[in-house]
């Protein structure tokens, strides 16, 4: 924490005062440091609040990292599944084209035949 260093020395009349005159009779704190003490209390409260926020953020960060890893794994699995589905779709399409090609080939007229070819 920053320590406040006064720019000017205390006036001589305050320096000559007895300790009883410079101290609060209720709490015993010197009037000269009471303001600084209260400011430090406020700083400590603010820092505690900030620490609680950051402590929660560490937990949130950990949960988000776990979720990100899980989503990355799911994405990779979906990619693999999609690739295999695409490959099987391509294989089925090739097979269907081959079957259709063979059927068309069978329906073509044979040049040795003399009968006219009628396609249905």
PDB file of N, CA and C in Angstrom:
ATOM      1  N   UNK A   1       0.834  -1.183   0.000  1.00  0.00           N
ATOM      2  CA  UNK A   1       0.000   0.000   0.000  1.00  0.00           C
ATOM      3  C   UNK A   1       0.877   1.244   0.000  1.00  0.00           C
ATOM      4  N   UNK A   2       0.321   2.296  -0.542  1.00  0.00           N
ATOM      5  CA  UNK A   2       1.056   3.558  -0.570  1.00  0.00           C
ATOM      6  C   UNK A   2       1.063   4.181   0.821  1.00  0.00           C
ATOM      7  N   UNK A   3       2.193   4.686   1.174  1.00  0.00           N
ATOM      8  CA  UNK A   3       2.300   5.369   2.458  1.00  0.00           C
ATOM      9  C   UNK A   3       2.318   6.856   2.194  1.00  0.00           C
ATOM     10  N   UNK A   4       1.473   7.556   2.913  1.00  0.00           N
ATOM     11  CA  UNK A   4       1.383   8.999   2.729  1.00  0.00           C
ATOM     12  C   UNK A   4       2.511   9.676   3.495  1.00  0.00           C
ATOM     13  N   UNK A   5       3.324  10.405   2.794  1.00  0.00           N
ATOM     14  CA  UNK A   5       4.415  11.161   3.422  1.00  0.00           C
ATOM     15  C   UNK A   5       4.059  12.635   3.272  1.00  0.00           C
ATOM     16  N   UNK A   6       3.850  13.328   4.402  1.00  0.00           N
ATOM     17  CA  UNK A   6       3.455  14.731   4.303  1.00  0.00           C
ATOM     18  C   UNK A   6       4.543  15.582   3.669  1.00  0.00           C
ATOM     19  N   UNK A   7       4.104  16.572   2.930  1.00  0.00           N
ATOM     20  CA  UNK A   7       5.056  17.453   2.257  1.00  0.00           C
ATOM     21  C   UNK A   7       5.650  18.479   3.223  1.00  0.00           C
ATOM     22  N   UNK A   8       4.897  18.837   4.245  1.00  0.00           N
ATOM     23  CA  UNK A   8       5.344  19.859   5.195  1.00  0.00           C
ATOM     24  C   UNK A   8       5.380  19.264   6.592  1.00  0.00           C
ATOM     25  N   UNK A   9       6.307  19.705   7.375  1.00  0.00           N
ATOM     26  CA  UNK A   9       6.399  19.254   8.770  1.00  0.00           C
ATOM     27  C   UNK A   9       5.198  19.780   9.545  1.00  0.00           C
ATOM     28  N   UNK A  10       4.864  19.099  10.634  1.00  0.00           N
ATOM     29  CA  UNK A  10       3.758  19.547  11.469  1.00  0.00           C
ATOM     30  C   UNK A  10       4.101  20.904  12.087  1.00  0.00           C
ATOM     31  N   UNK A  11       3.098  21.704  12.271  1.00  0.00           N
ATOM     32  CA  UNK A  11       3.374  22.983  12.936  1.00  0.00           C
ATOM     33  C   UNK A  11       3.953  22.758  14.336  1.00  0.00           C
ATOM     34  N   UNK A  12       4.734  23.724  14.772  1.00  0.00           N
ATOM     35  CA  UNK A  12       5.439  23.599  16.051  1.00  0.00           C
ATOM     36  C   UNK A  12       4.493  23.430  17.223  1.00  0.00           C
ATOM     37  N   UNK A  13       3.345  24.121  17.204  1.00  0.00           N
ATOM     38  CA  UNK A  13       2.410  24.000  18.326  1.00  0.00           C
ATOM     39  C   UNK A  13       1.843  22.590  18.438  1.00  0.00           C
ATOM     40  N   UNK A  14       1.662  21.874  17.280  1.00  0.00           N
ATOM     41  CA  UNK A  14       1.182  20.485  17.343  1.00  0.00           C
ATOM     42  C   UNK A  14       2.305  19.579  17.844  1.00  0.00           C
ATOM     43  N   UNK A  15       3.525  19.826  17.409  1.00  0.00           N
ATOM     44  CA  UNK A  15       4.647  19.003  17.853  1.00  0.00           C
ATOM     45  C   UNK A  15       4.843  19.127  19.368  1.00  0.00           C
ATOM     46  N   UNK A  16       4.525  20.283  19.943  1.00  0.00           N
ATOM     47  CA  UNK A  16       4.724  20.516  21.385  1.00  0.00           C
ATOM     48  C   UNK A  16       3.549  20.019  22.214  1.00  0.00           C
ATOM     49  N   UNK A  17       2.465  19.573  21.570  1.00  0.00           N
ATOM     50  CA  UNK A  17       1.298  19.102  22.320  1.00  0.00           C
ATOM     51  C   UNK A  17       1.638  17.822  23.076  1.00  0.00           C
ATOM     52  N   UNK A  18       0.996  17.601  24.183  1.00  0.00           N
ATOM     53  CA  UNK A  18       1.194  16.370  24.946  1.00  0.00           C
ATOM     54  C   UNK A  18       0.457  15.239  24.238  1.00  0.00           C
ATOM     55  N   UNK A  19       0.887  13.968  24.436  1.00  0.00           N
ATOM     56  CA  UNK A  19       0.219  12.838  23.783  1.00  0.00           C
ATOM     57  C   UNK A  19      -1.266  12.755  24.109  1.00  0.00           C
ATOM     58  N   UNK A  20      -1.668  13.167  25.304  1.00  0.00           N
ATOM     59  CA  UNK A  20      -3.085  13.110  25.657  1.00  0.00           C
ATOM     60  C   UNK A  20      -3.923  14.033  24.777  1.00  0.00           C
ATOM     61  N   UNK A  21      -3.329  15.131  24.339  1.00  0.00           N
ATOM     62  CA  UNK A  21      -4.054  16.075  23.494  1.00  0.00           C
ATOM     63  C   UNK A  21      -4.140  15.596  22.037  1.00  0.00           C
ATOM     64  N   UNK A  22      -3.227  14.719  21.623  1.00  0.00           N
ATOM     65  CA  UNK A  22      -3.201  14.249  20.230  1.00  0.00           C
ATOM     66  C   UNK A  22      -3.949  12.925  20.038  1.00  0.00           C
ATOM     67  N   UNK A  23      -4.445  12.326  21.107  1.00  0.00           N
ATOM     68  CA  UNK A  23      -5.058  10.999  21.032  1.00  0.00           C
ATOM     69  C   UNK A  23      -6.538  11.105  21.362  1.00  0.00           C
ATOM     70  N   UNK A  24      -7.344  10.349  20.595  1.00  0.00           N
ATOM     71  CA  UNK A  24      -8.784  10.285  20.856  1.00  0.00           C
ATOM     72  C   UNK A  24      -9.000   9.617  22.208  1.00  0.00           C
ATOM     73  N   UNK A  25      -9.767  10.228  23.072  1.00  0.00           N
ATOM     74  CA  UNK A  25     -10.002   9.684  24.409  1.00  0.00           C
ATOM     75  C   UNK A  25     -10.902   8.442  24.351  1.00  0.00           C
ATOM     76  N   UNK A  26     -11.669   8.276  23.266  1.00  0.00           N
ATOM     77  CA  UNK A  26     -12.570   7.133  23.132  1.00  0.00           C
ATOM     78  C   UNK A  26     -11.835   5.895  22.613  1.00  0.00           C
ATOM     79  N   UNK A  27     -11.111   6.034  21.520  1.00  0.00           N
ATOM     80  CA  UNK A  27     -10.490   4.855  20.896  1.00  0.00           C
ATOM     81  C   UNK A  27      -8.982   4.795  21.077  1.00  0.00           C
ATOM     82  N   UNK A  28      -8.337   5.862  21.450  1.00  0.00           N
ATOM     83  CA  UNK A  28      -6.901   5.854  21.680  1.00  0.00           C
ATOM     84  C   UNK A  28      -6.055   6.056  20.437  1.00  0.00           C
ATOM     85  N   UNK A  29      -6.684   6.321  19.300  1.00  0.00           N
ATOM     86  CA  UNK A  29      -5.939   6.513  18.064  1.00  0.00           C
ATOM     87  C   UNK A  29      -5.557   7.986  17.946  1.00  0.00           C
ATOM     88  N   UNK A  30      -4.340   8.185  17.494  1.00  0.00           N
ATOM     89  CA  UNK A  30      -3.870   9.554  17.308  1.00  0.00           C
ATOM     90  C   UNK A  30      -4.698  10.238  16.226  1.00  0.00           C
ATOM     91  N   UNK A  31      -5.097  11.454  16.484  1.00  0.00           N
ATOM     92  CA  UNK A  31      -5.839  12.218  15.488  1.00  0.00           C
ATOM     93  C   UNK A  31      -5.036  12.400  14.211  1.00  0.00           C
ATOM     94  N   UNK A  32      -3.736  12.380  14.347  1.00  0.00           N
ATOM     95  CA  UNK A  32      -2.876  12.611  13.193  1.00  0.00           C
ATOM     96  C   UNK A  32      -2.877  11.428  12.216  1.00  0.00           C
ATOM     97  N   UNK A  33      -3.173  10.234  12.720  1.00  0.00           N
ATOM     98  CA  UNK A  33      -3.182   9.076  11.817  1.00  0.00           C
ATOM     99  C   UNK A  33      -4.580   8.505  11.608  1.00  0.00           C
ATOM    100  N   UNK A  34      -5.578   9.048  12.286  1.00  0.00           N
ATOM    101  CA  UNK A  34      -6.936   8.510  12.178  1.00  0.00           C
ATOM    102  C   UNK A  34      -7.434   8.526  10.730  1.00  0.00           C
ATOM    103  N   UNK A  35      -7.231   9.626  10.043  1.00  0.00           N
ATOM    104  CA  UNK A  35      -7.679   9.722   8.644  1.00  0.00           C
ATOM    105  C   UNK A  35      -6.979   8.682   7.771  1.00  0.00           C
ATOM    106  N   UNK A  36      -5.671   8.538   7.948  1.00  0.00           N
ATOM    107  CA  UNK A  36      -4.911   7.562   7.156  1.00  0.00           C
ATOM    108  C   UNK A  36      -5.358   6.139   7.479  1.00  0.00           C
ATOM    109  N   UNK A  37      -5.643   5.881   8.751  1.00  0.00           N
ATOM    110  CA  UNK A  37      -6.098   4.563   9.188  1.00  0.00           C
ATOM    111  C   UNK A  37      -7.443   4.224   8.534  1.00  0.00           C
ATOM    112  N   UNK A  38      -8.367   5.170   8.503  1.00  0.00           N
ATOM    113  CA  UNK A  38      -9.678   4.937   7.888  1.00  0.00           C
ATOM    114  C   UNK A  38      -9.541   4.696   6.383  1.00  0.00           C
ATOM    115  N   UNK A  39      -8.650   5.438   5.742  1.00  0.00           N
ATOM    116  CA  UNK A  39      -8.423   5.239   4.302  1.00  0.00           C
ATOM    117  C   UNK A  39      -7.875   3.839   4.044  1.00  0.00           C
ATOM    118  N   UNK A  40      -6.971   3.376   4.926  1.00  0.00           N
ATOM    119  CA  UNK A  40      -6.416   2.019   4.754  1.00  0.00           C
ATOM    120  C   UNK A  40      -7.496   0.969   4.976  1.00  0.00           C
ATOM    121  N   UNK A  41      -8.406   1.182   5.912  1.00  0.00           N
ATOM    122  CA  UNK A  41      -9.506   0.240   6.120  1.00  0.00           C
ATOM    123  C   UNK A  41     -10.352   0.117   4.851  1.00  0.00           C
ATOM    124  N   UNK A  42     -10.655   1.232   4.222  1.00  0.00           N
ATOM    125  CA  UNK A  42     -11.443   1.221   2.994  1.00  0.00           C
ATOM    126  C   UNK A  42     -10.700   0.479   1.873  1.00  0.00           C
ATOM    127  N   UNK A  43      -9.390   0.685   1.779  1.00  0.00           N
ATOM    128  CA  UNK A  43      -8.603  -0.023   0.765  1.00  0.00           C
ATOM    129  C   UNK A  43      -8.628  -1.524   1.002  1.00  0.00           C
ATOM    130  N   UNK A  44      -8.521  -1.923   2.273  1.00  0.00           N
ATOM    131  CA  UNK A  44      -8.538  -3.356   2.600  1.00  0.00           C
ATOM    132  C   UNK A  44      -9.886  -3.963   2.223  1.00  0.00           C
ATOM    133  N   UNK A  45     -10.981  -3.262   2.535  1.00  0.00           N
ATOM    134  CA  UNK A  45     -12.312  -3.766   2.182  1.00  0.00           C
ATOM    135  C   UNK A  45     -12.446  -3.929   0.666  1.00  0.00           C
ATOM    136  N   UNK A  46     -11.978  -2.934  -0.071  1.00  0.00           N
ATOM    137  CA  UNK A  46     -12.055  -3.006  -1.534  1.00  0.00           C
ATOM    138  C   UNK A  46     -11.208  -4.157  -2.061  1.00  0.00           C
ATOM    139  N   UNK A  47     -10.038  -4.371  -1.492  1.00  0.00           N
ATOM    140  CA  UNK A  47      -9.165  -5.462  -1.947  1.00  0.00           C
ATOM    141  C   UNK A  47      -9.767  -6.818  -1.604  1.00  0.00           C
ATOM    142  N   UNK A  48     -10.416  -6.952  -0.460  1.00  0.00           N
ATOM    143  CA  UNK A  48     -11.069  -8.212  -0.101  1.00  0.00           C
ATOM    144  C   UNK A  48     -12.190  -8.522  -1.084  1.00  0.00           C
ATOM    145  N   UNK A  49     -12.959  -7.490  -1.437  1.00  0.00           N
ATOM    146  CA  UNK A  49     -14.037  -7.680  -2.403  1.00  0.00           C
ATOM    147  C   UNK A  49     -13.470  -8.109  -3.757  1.00  0.00           C
ATOM    148  N   UNK A  50     -12.395  -7.486  -4.180  1.00  0.00           N
ATOM    149  CA  UNK A  50     -11.745  -7.831  -5.443  1.00  0.00           C
ATOM    150  C   UNK A  50     -11.197  -9.253  -5.405  1.00  0.00           C
ATOM    151  N   UNK A  51     -10.624  -9.651  -4.277  1.00  0.00           N
ATOM    152  CA  UNK A  51     -10.097 -11.011  -4.144  1.00  0.00           C
ATOM    153  C   UNK A  51     -11.209 -12.037  -4.266  1.00  0.00           C
ATOM    154  N   UNK A  52     -12.379 -11.751  -3.674  1.00  0.00           N
ATOM    155  CA  UNK A  52     -13.509 -12.679  -3.799  1.00  0.00           C
ATOM    156  C   UNK A  52     -13.917 -12.821  -5.263  1.00  0.00           C
ATOM    157  N   UNK A  53     -13.944 -11.693  -5.970  1.00  0.00           N
ATOM    158  CA  UNK A  53     -14.290 -11.741  -7.393  1.00  0.00           C
ATOM    159  C   UNK A  53     -13.292 -12.604  -8.154  1.00  0.00           C
ATOM    160  N   UNK A  54     -12.003 -12.377  -7.925  1.00  0.00           N
ATOM    161  CA  UNK A  54     -10.997 -13.140  -8.657  1.00  0.00           C
ATOM    162  C   UNK A  54     -10.986 -14.600  -8.250  1.00  0.00           C
ATOM    163  N   UNK A  55     -11.278 -14.890  -6.987  1.00  0.00           N
ATOM    164  CA  UNK A  55     -11.347 -16.283  -6.565  1.00  0.00           C
ATOM    165  C   UNK A  55     -12.467 -16.986  -7.325  1.00  0.00           C
ATOM    166  N   UNK A  56     -13.605 -16.330  -7.476  1.00  0.00           N
ATOM    167  CA  UNK A  56     -14.699 -16.896  -8.255  1.00  0.00           C
ATOM    168  C   UNK A  56     -14.333 -17.028  -9.719  1.00  0.00           C
ATOM    169  N   UNK A  57     -13.528 -16.105 -10.217  1.00  0.00           N
ATOM    170  CA  UNK A  57     -13.165 -16.157 -11.628  1.00  0.00           C
ATOM    171  C   UNK A  57     -12.257 -17.343 -11.919  1.00  0.00           C
ATOM    172  N   UNK A  58     -11.462 -17.752 -10.968  1.00  0.00           N
ATOM    173  CA  UNK A  58     -10.604 -18.931 -11.167  1.00  0.00           C
ATOM    174  C   UNK A  58     -11.480 -20.171 -11.324  1.00  0.00           C
ATOM    175  N   UNK A  59     -12.507 -20.280 -10.469  1.00  0.00           N
ATOM    176  CA  UNK A  59     -13.425 -21.417 -10.580  1.00  0.00           C
ATOM    177  C   UNK A  59     -14.184 -21.380 -11.908  1.00  0.00           C
ATOM    178  N   UNK A  60     -14.635 -20.178 -12.294  1.00  0.00           N
ATOM    179  CA  UNK A  60     -15.347 -20.051 -13.569  1.00  0.00           C
ATOM    180  C   UNK A  60     -14.433 -20.404 -14.736  1.00  0.00           C
ATOM    181  N   UNK A  61     -13.184 -19.971 -14.677  1.00  0.00           N
ATOM    182  CA  UNK A  61     -12.213 -20.269 -15.735  1.00  0.00           C
ATOM    183  C   UNK A  61     -12.016 -21.774 -15.869  1.00  0.00           C
ATOM    184  N   UNK A  62     -11.905 -22.458 -14.729  1.00  0.00           N
ATOM    185  CA  UNK A  62     -11.701 -23.912 -14.749  1.00  0.00           C
ATOM    186  C   UNK A  62     -12.911 -24.606 -15.380  1.00  0.00           C
ATOM    187  N   UNK A  63     -14.118 -24.187 -15.005  1.00  0.00           N
ATOM    188  CA  UNK A  63     -15.324 -24.796 -15.569  1.00  0.00           C
ATOM    189  C   UNK A  63     -15.415 -24.523 -17.068  1.00  0.00           C
ATOM    190  N   UNK A  64     -15.073 -23.311 -17.477  1.00  0.00           N
ATOM    191  CA  UNK A  64     -15.111 -22.979 -18.906  1.00  0.00           C
ATOM    192  C   UNK A  64     -14.086 -23.781 -19.696  1.00  0.00           C
ATOM    193  N   UNK A  65     -12.897 -24.001 -19.123  1.00  0.00           N
ATOM    194  CA  UNK A  65     -11.877 -24.808 -19.800  1.00  0.00           C
ATOM    195  C   UNK A  65     -12.371 -26.243 -19.979  1.00  0.00           C
ATOM    196  N   UNK A  66     -13.027 -26.787 -18.927  1.00  0.00           N
ATOM    197  CA  UNK A  66     -13.554 -28.147 -19.028  1.00  0.00           C
ATOM    198  C   UNK A  66     -14.642 -28.230 -20.096  1.00  0.00           C
ATOM    199  N   UNK A  67     -15.514 -27.223 -20.114  1.00  0.00           N
ATOM    200  CA  UNK A  67     -16.591 -27.217 -21.118  1.00  0.00           C
ATOM    201  C   UNK A  67     -16.017 -27.083 -22.521  1.00  0.00           C
ATOM    202  N   UNK A  68     -15.008 -26.229 -22.683  1.00  0.00           N
ATOM    203  CA  UNK A  68     -14.367 -26.066 -23.987  1.00  0.00           C
ATOM    204  C   UNK A  68     -13.743 -27.377 -24.457  1.00  0.00           C
ATOM    205  N   UNK A  69     -13.090 -28.074 -23.539  1.00  0.00           N
ATOM    206  CA  UNK A  69     -12.474 -29.357 -23.905  1.00  0.00           C
ATOM    207  C   UNK A  69     -13.549 -30.357 -24.321  1.00  0.00           C
ATOM    208  N   UNK A  70     -14.635 -30.398 -23.570  1.00  0.00           N
ATOM    209  CA  UNK A  70     -15.725 -31.311 -23.901  1.00  0.00           C
ATOM    210  C   UNK A  70     -16.320 -30.985 -25.276  1.00  0.00           C
ATOM    211  N   UNK A  71     -16.535 -29.702 -25.533  1.00  0.00           N
ATOM    212  CA  UNK A  71     -17.084 -29.300 -26.833  1.00  0.00           C
ATOM    213  C   UNK A  71     -16.110 -29.606 -27.970  1.00  0.00           C
ATOM    214  N   UNK A  72     -14.818 -29.446 -27.718  1.00  0.00           N
ATOM    215  CA  UNK A  72     -13.814 -29.769 -28.746  1.00  0.00           C
ATOM    216  C   UNK A  72     -13.843 -31.259 -29.072  1.00  0.00           C
ATOM    217  N   UNK A  73     -13.967 -32.080 -28.040  1.00  0.00           N
ATOM    218  CA  UNK A  73     -14.041 -33.526 -28.266  1.00  0.00           C
ATOM    219  C   UNK A  73     -15.306 -33.880 -29.042  1.00  0.00           C
ATOM    220  N   UNK A  74     -16.435 -33.269 -28.655  1.00  0.00           N
ATOM    221  CA  UNK A  74     -17.681 -33.525 -29.375  1.00  0.00           C
ATOM    222  C   UNK A  74     -17.552 -33.110 -30.838  1.00  0.00           C
ATOM    223  N   UNK A  75     -16.935 -31.958 -31.078  1.00  0.00           N
ATOM    224  CA  UNK A  75     -16.750 -31.472 -32.451  1.00  0.00           C
ATOM    225  C   UNK A  75     -15.921 -32.454 -33.265  1.00  0.00           C
ATOM    226  N   UNK A  76     -14.822 -32.923 -32.688  1.00  0.00           N
ATOM    227  CA  UNK A  76     -13.977 -33.882 -33.400  1.00  0.00           C
ATOM    228  C   UNK A  76     -14.749 -35.158 -33.714  1.00  0.00           C
ATOM    229  N   UNK A  77     -15.566 -35.625 -32.748  1.00  0.00           N
ATOM    230  CA  UNK A  77     -16.348 -36.838 -32.969  1.00  0.00           C
ATOM    231  C   UNK A  77     -17.379 -36.608 -34.078  1.00  0.00           C
ATOM    232  N   UNK A  78     -18.027 -35.448 -34.070  1.00  0.00           N
ATOM    233  CA  UNK A  78     -18.991 -35.132 -35.122  1.00  0.00           C
ATOM    234  C   UNK A  78     -18.308 -35.068 -36.484  1.00  0.00           C
ATOM    235  N   UNK A  79     -17.102 -34.516 -36.507  1.00  0.00           N
ATOM    236  CA  UNK A  79     -16.361 -34.449 -37.759  1.00  0.00           C
ATOM    237  C   UNK A  79     -16.073 -35.856 -38.289  1.00  0.00           C
ATOM    238  N   UNK A  80     -15.622 -36.727 -37.396  1.00  0.00           N
ATOM    239  CA  UNK A  80     -15.309 -38.105 -37.790  1.00  0.00           C
ATOM    240  C   UNK A  80     -16.578 -38.800 -38.281  1.00  0.00           C
ATOM    241  N   UNK A  81     -17.677 -38.621 -37.509  1.00  0.00           N
ATOM    242  CA  UNK A  81     -18.943 -39.243 -37.906  1.00  0.00           C
ATOM    243  C   UNK A  81     -19.398 -38.725 -39.264  1.00  0.00           C
ATOM    244  N   UNK A  82     -19.278 -37.439 -39.472  1.00  0.00           N
ATOM    245  CA  UNK A  82     -19.711 -36.830 -40.733  1.00  0.00           C
ATOM    246  C   UNK A  82     -18.862 -37.344 -41.891  1.00  0.00           C
ATOM    247  N   UNK A  83     -17.552 -37.460 -41.671  1.00  0.00           N
ATOM    248  CA  UNK A  83     -16.678 -37.969 -42.724  1.00  0.00           C
ATOM    249  C   UNK A  83     -17.039 -39.405 -43.082  1.00  0.00           C
ATOM    250  N   UNK A  84     -17.311 -40.222 -42.059  1.00  0.00           N
ATOM    251  CA  UNK A  84     -17.649 -41.618 -42.354  1.00  0.00           C
ATOM    252  C   UNK A  84     -19.007 -41.707 -43.049  1.00  0.00           C
ATOM    253  N   UNK A  85     -19.954 -40.833 -42.640  1.00  0.00           N
ATOM    254  CA  UNK A  85     -21.253 -40.829 -43.322  1.00  0.00           C
ATOM    255  C   UNK A  85     -21.090 -40.369 -44.768  1.00  0.00           C
ATOM    256  N   UNK A  86     -20.243 -39.378 -44.970  1.00  0.00           N
ATOM    257  CA  UNK A  86     -20.004 -38.881 -46.326  1.00  0.00           C
ATOM    258  C   UNK A  86     -19.373 -39.970 -47.173  1.00  0.00           C
ATOM    259  N   UNK A  87     -18.384 -40.674 -46.605  1.00  0.00           N
ATOM    260  CA  UNK A  87     -17.734 -41.753 -47.348  1.00  0.00           C
ATOM    261  C   UNK A  87     -18.716 -42.861 -47.682  1.00  0.00           C
ATOM    262  N   UNK A  88     -19.583 -43.222 -46.714  1.00  0.00           N
ATOM    263  CA  UNK A  88     -20.548 -44.294 -46.996  1.00  0.00           C
ATOM    264  C   UNK A  88     -21.585 -43.814 -48.005  1.00  0.00           C
ATOM    265  N   UNK A  89     -21.954 -42.532 -47.948  1.00  0.00           N
ATOM    266  CA  UNK A  89     -22.895 -41.991 -48.939  1.00  0.00           C
ATOM    267  C   UNK A  89     -22.274 -42.016 -50.329  1.00  0.00           C
ATOM    268  N   UNK A  90     -21.018 -41.663 -50.422  1.00  0.00           N
ATOM    269  CA  UNK A  90     -20.317 -41.689 -51.709  1.00  0.00           C
ATOM    270  C   UNK A  90     -20.226 -43.121 -52.220  1.00  0.00           C
ATOM    271  N   UNK A  91     -19.932 -44.060 -51.326  1.00  0.00           N
ATOM    272  CA  UNK A  91     -19.837 -45.463 -51.743  1.00  0.00           C
ATOM    273  C   UNK A  91     -21.194 -45.962 -52.245  1.00  0.00           C
ATOM    274  N   UNK A  92     -22.282 -45.599 -51.527  1.00  0.00           N
ATOM    275  CA  UNK A  92     -23.623 -46.014 -51.974  1.00  0.00           C
ATOM    276  C   UNK A  92     -23.961 -45.376 -53.326  1.00  0.00           C
ATOM    277  N   UNK A  93     -23.597 -44.119 -53.487  1.00  0.00           N
ATOM    278  CA  UNK A  93     -23.866 -43.430 -54.754  1.00  0.00           C
ATOM    279  C   UNK A  93     -23.098 -44.087 -55.899  1.00  0.00           C
ATOM    280  N   UNK A  94     -21.825 -44.432 -55.652  1.00  0.00           N
ATOM    281  CA  UNK A  94     -21.040 -45.109 -56.686  1.00  0.00           C
ATOM    282  C   UNK A  94     -21.670 -46.441 -57.052  1.00  0.00           C
ATOM    283  N   UNK A  95     -22.086 -47.179 -56.036  1.00  0.00           N
ATOM    284  CA  UNK A  95     -22.705 -48.478 -56.281  1.00  0.00           C
ATOM    285  C   UNK A  95     -23.995 -48.310 -57.085  1.00  0.00           C
ATOM    286  N   UNK A  96     -24.798 -47.322 -56.722  1.00  0.00           N
ATOM    287  CA  UNK A  96     -26.041 -47.065 -57.441  1.00  0.00           C
ATOM    288  C   UNK A  96     -25.754 -46.694 -58.895  1.00  0.00           C
ATOM    289  N   UNK A  97     -24.718 -45.851 -59.107  1.00  0.00           N
ATOM    290  CA  UNK A  97     -24.360 -45.468 -60.476  1.00  0.00           C
ATOM    291  C   UNK A  97     -23.885 -46.676 -61.283  1.00  0.00           C
ATOM    292  N   UNK A  98     -23.117 -47.545 -60.623  1.00  0.00           N
ATOM    293  CA  UNK A  98     -22.641 -48.749 -61.327  1.00  0.00           C
ATOM    294  C   UNK A  98     -23.815 -49.637 -61.712  1.00  0.00           C
ATOM    295  N   UNK A  99     -24.771 -49.779 -60.791  1.00  0.00           N
ATOM    296  CA  UNK A  99     -25.941 -50.609 -61.080  1.00  0.00           C
ATOM    297  C   UNK A  99     -26.725 -50.008 -62.238  1.00  0.00           C
ATOM    298  N   UNK A 100     -26.935 -48.685 -62.185  1.00  0.00           N
ATOM    299  CA  UNK A 100     -27.675 -48.031 -63.266  1.00  0.00           C
ATOM    300  C   UNK A 100     -26.919 -48.148 -64.589  1.00  0.00           C
ATOM    301  N   UNK A 101     -25.614 -48.033 -64.538  1.00  0.00           N
ATOM    302  CA  UNK A 101     -24.805 -48.167 -65.754  1.00  0.00           C
ATOM    303  C   UNK A 101     -24.976 -49.558 -66.345  1.00  0.00           C
ATOM    304  N   UNK A 102     -24.936 -50.555 -65.482  1.00  0.00           N
ATOM    305  CA  UNK A 102     -25.105 -51.927 -65.964  1.00  0.00           C
ATOM    306  C   UNK A 102     -26.491 -52.129 -66.553  1.00  0.00           C
ATOM    307  N   UNK A 103     -27.506 -51.541 -65.926  1.00  0.00           N
ATOM    308  CA  UNK A 103     -28.874 -51.676 -66.439  1.00  0.00           C
ATOM    309  C   UNK A 103     -29.002 -50.982 -67.799  1.00  0.00           C
ATOM    310  N   UNK A 104     -28.411 -49.814 -67.923  1.00  0.00           N
ATOM    311  CA  UNK A 104     -28.472 -49.094 -69.195  1.00  0.00           C
ATOM    312  C   UNK A 104     -27.723 -49.880 -70.261  1.00  0.00           C
ATOM    313  N   UNK A 105     -26.626 -50.458 -69.884  1.00  0.00           N
ATOM    314  CA  UNK A 105     -25.823 -51.231 -70.822  1.00  0.00           C
ATOM    315  C   UNK A 105     -26.617 -52.439 -71.327  1.00  0.00           C
ATOM    316  N   UNK A 106     -27.397 -53.049 -70.449  1.00  0.00           N
ATOM    317  CA  UNK A 106     -28.209 -54.200 -70.849  1.00  0.00           C
ATOM    318  C   UNK A 106     -29.356 -53.771 -71.760  1.00  0.00           C
ATOM    319  N   UNK A 107     -29.860 -52.547 -71.589  1.00  0.00           N
ATOM    320  CA  UNK A 107     -30.989 -52.089 -72.400  1.00  0.00           C
ATOM    321  C   UNK A 107     -30.558 -51.605 -73.777  1.00  0.00           C
ATOM    322  N   UNK A 108     -29.293 -51.377 -73.990  1.00  0.00           N
ATOM    323  CA  UNK A 108     -28.823 -50.931 -75.307  1.00  0.00           C
ATOM    324  C   UNK A 108     -29.012 -52.061 -76.315  1.00  0.00           C
ATOM    325  N   UNK A 109     -29.330 -51.667 -77.511  1.00  0.00           N
ATOM    326  CA  UNK A 109     -29.515 -52.712 -78.535  1.00  0.00           C
ATOM    327  C   UNK A 109     -28.179 -53.348 -78.913  1.00  0.00           C
ATOM    328  N   UNK A 110     -28.259 -54.603 -79.165  1.00  0.00           N
ATOM    329  CA  UNK A 110     -27.080 -55.331 -79.597  1.00  0.00           C
ATOM    330  C   UNK A 110     -26.956 -55.117 -81.107  1.00  0.00           C
ATOM    331  N   UNK A 111     -25.813 -54.681 -81.601  1.00  0.00           N
ATOM    332  CA  UNK A 111     -25.674 -54.429 -83.039  1.00  0.00           C
ATOM    333  C   UNK A 111     -25.891 -55.683 -83.876  1.00  0.00           C
ATOM    334  N   UNK A 112     -25.776 -56.866 -83.308  1.00  0.00           N
ATOM    335  CA  UNK A 112     -25.985 -58.092 -84.065  1.00  0.00           C
ATOM    336  C   UNK A 112     -27.466 -58.383 -84.249  1.00  0.00           C
ATOM    337  N   UNK A 113     -28.312 -57.829 -83.402  1.00  0.00           N
ATOM    338  CA  UNK A 113     -29.758 -58.044 -83.519  1.00  0.00           C
ATOM    339  C   UNK A 113     -30.302 -57.203 -84.650  1.00  0.00           C
ATOM    340  N   UNK A 114     -31.282 -57.721 -85.332  1.00  0.00           N
ATOM    341  CA  UNK A 114     -31.888 -56.991 -86.431  1.00  0.00           C
ATOM    342  C   UNK A 114     -33.220 -56.382 -86.041  1.00  0.00           C
ATOM    343  N   UNK A 115     -33.719 -56.743 -84.858  1.00  0.00           N
ATOM    344  CA  UNK A 115     -34.992 -56.209 -84.413  1.00  0.00           C
ATOM    345  C   UNK A 115     -34.827 -54.774 -83.950  1.00  0.00           C
ATOM    346  N   UNK A 116     -35.832 -53.948 -84.133  1.00  0.00           N
ATOM    347  CA  UNK A 116     -35.727 -52.562 -83.658  1.00  0.00           C
ATOM    348  C   UNK A 116     -35.771 -52.530 -82.135  1.00  0.00           C
ATOM    349  N   UNK A 117     -35.061 -51.594 -81.572  1.00  0.00           N
ATOM    350  CA  UNK A 117     -34.958 -51.448 -80.099  1.00  0.00           C
ATOM    351  C   UNK A 117     -35.988 -50.420 -79.626  1.00  0.00           C
ATOM    352  N   UNK A 118     -36.825 -50.826 -78.690  1.00  0.00           N
ATOM    353  CA  UNK A 118     -37.802 -49.908 -78.115  1.00  0.00           C
ATOM    354  C   UNK A 118     -37.517 -49.830 -76.628  1.00  0.00           C
ATOM    355  N   UNK A 119     -37.144 -48.622 -76.159  1.00  0.00           N
ATOM    356  CA  UNK A 119     -36.856 -48.440 -74.739  1.00  0.00           C
ATOM    357  C   UNK A 119     -38.106 -48.001 -74.035  1.00  0.00           C
ATOM    358  N   UNK A 120     -38.322 -48.520 -72.874  1.00  0.00           N
ATOM    359  CA  UNK A 120     -39.505 -48.138 -72.094  1.00  0.00           C
ATOM    360  C   UNK A 120     -39.159 -47.106 -71.074  1.00  0.00           C
TER     361      UNK A 120
END
